[in-house]
Amino acid sequence: MTTPVVSIAHHSGFGHTAVLAEAVRAGAADTGAEMHLSLGVFTGAAAQTNVDEGPDAVHQAGIATAEHLGRRVARTAEVFLRGRSAVAA
């Protein structure tokens, strides 16, 4: 079986979403997935941060949630990959 590949497309006007996208990447990478971060629109993880505060103000709970999302995305990709391998066998 090959390693799951997960791409995260995001857009970050003020830097907050970039912090969360990096946390999703870190969470998914923890599972051994190959990760790609790129400019896009939406990460699927939300955090309530004032836009007049910098990216350093993103709450740790939001970062932890994004890391959890990354792990779930990578594990789901692995399940799909295993299923595809099983069907091909």
Protein backbone atom coordinates (compact mmCIF):
# COMPACT_ATOMS: atom_id res chain seq x y z
CA MET A 1 0.00 0.00 0.00
CA THR A 2 1.23 3.49 -0.77
CA THR A 3 1.14 6.46 1.58
CA PRO A 4 -2.01 8.63 1.46
CA VAL A 5 -1.48 12.05 -0.12
CA VAL A 6 -3.49 14.94 1.32
CA SER A 7 -3.60 18.43 -0.19
CA ILE A 8 -4.87 21.40 1.76
CA ALA A 9 -6.00 24.37 -0.29
CA HIS A 10 -6.60 27.55 1.66
CA HIS A 11 -6.76 31.33 1.46
CA SER A 12 -5.72 33.53 4.33
CA GLY A 13 -6.39 37.22 4.02
CA PHE A 14 -5.11 38.09 7.50
CA GLY A 15 -2.97 35.02 8.30
CA HIS A 16 -5.41 33.27 10.66
CA THR A 17 -6.49 30.60 8.17
CA ALA A 18 -2.85 29.96 7.29
CA VAL A 19 -2.21 29.11 10.95
CA LEU A 20 -5.11 26.64 10.90
CA ALA A 21 -4.07 25.16 7.54
CA GLU A 22 -0.61 24.54 8.97
CA ALA A 23 -2.20 22.84 12.00
CA VAL A 24 -4.28 20.59 9.70
CA ARG A 25 -1.07 19.77 7.81
CA ALA A 26 0.72 18.93 11.07
CA GLY A 27 -2.12 16.69 12.26
CA ALA A 28 -2.26 14.78 8.99
CA ALA A 29 1.51 14.49 8.82
CA ASP A 30 1.41 12.85 12.27
CA THR A 31 -0.30 9.88 10.60
CA GLY A 32 2.47 9.55 8.01
CA ALA A 33 0.51 11.08 5.14
CA GLU A 34 2.31 13.00 2.44
CA MET A 35 1.12 16.60 2.74
CA HIS A 36 0.77 19.53 0.35
CA LEU A 37 -0.31 23.05 1.33
CA SER A 38 -1.51 25.40 -1.40
CA LEU A 39 -3.47 28.58 -1.87
CA GLY A 40 -7.20 27.96 -2.12
CA VAL A 41 -10.40 29.04 -0.40
CA PHE A 42 -11.46 27.15 2.73
CA THR A 43 -9.86 24.65 5.13
CA GLY A 44 -13.07 23.31 6.70
CA ALA A 45 -11.79 24.24 10.14
CA ALA A 46 -12.99 27.44 11.71
CA ALA A 47 -11.68 29.50 14.58
CA GLN A 48 -13.13 32.58 16.17
CA THR A 49 -10.31 35.12 16.07
CA ASN A 50 -10.59 38.87 15.79
CA VAL A 51 -9.29 39.94 12.38
CA ASP A 52 -7.66 43.01 13.92
CA GLU A 53 -5.37 40.70 15.89
CA GLY A 54 -2.48 38.98 14.15
CA PRO A 55 -2.13 35.30 13.32
CA ASP A 56 -0.45 34.78 16.69
CA ALA A 57 -3.86 35.39 18.29
CA VAL A 58 -5.40 32.20 16.87
CA HIS A 59 -6.61 30.29 19.93
CA GLN A 60 -4.85 27.03 20.80
CA ALA A 61 -8.22 25.25 20.80
CA GLY A 62 -8.70 26.25 17.16
CA ILE A 63 -5.25 24.95 16.31
CA ALA A 64 -5.92 21.66 18.16
CA THR A 65 -9.22 21.27 16.28
CA ALA A 66 -7.45 21.84 12.96
CA GLU A 67 -4.77 19.27 13.85
CA HIS A 68 -7.53 16.79 14.71
CA LEU A 69 -9.18 17.51 11.35
CA GLY A 70 -5.87 16.85 9.62
CA ARG A 71 -5.52 13.47 11.31
CA ARG A 72 -9.09 12.52 10.35
CA VAL A 73 -8.60 13.58 6.73
CA ALA A 74 -5.38 11.56 6.48
CA ARG A 75 -6.95 8.49 8.09
CA THR A 76 -9.97 8.73 5.79
CA ALA A 77 -7.65 8.98 2.79
CA GLU A 78 -5.88 5.85 4.06
CA VAL A 79 -9.20 3.97 4.33
CA PHE A 80 -10.07 4.93 0.74
CA LEU A 81 -6.61 3.91 -0.40
CA ARG A 82 -6.87 0.51 1.33
CA GLY A 83 -10.31 -0.04 -0.18
CA ARG A 84 -9.03 0.76 -3.64
CA SER A 85 -6.11 -1.64 -3.13
CA ALA A 86 -8.46 -4.38 -1.91
CA VAL A 87 -10.75 -3.99 -4.91
CA ALA A 88 -7.79 -4.10 -7.29
CA ALA A 89 -6.48 -7.35 -5.75
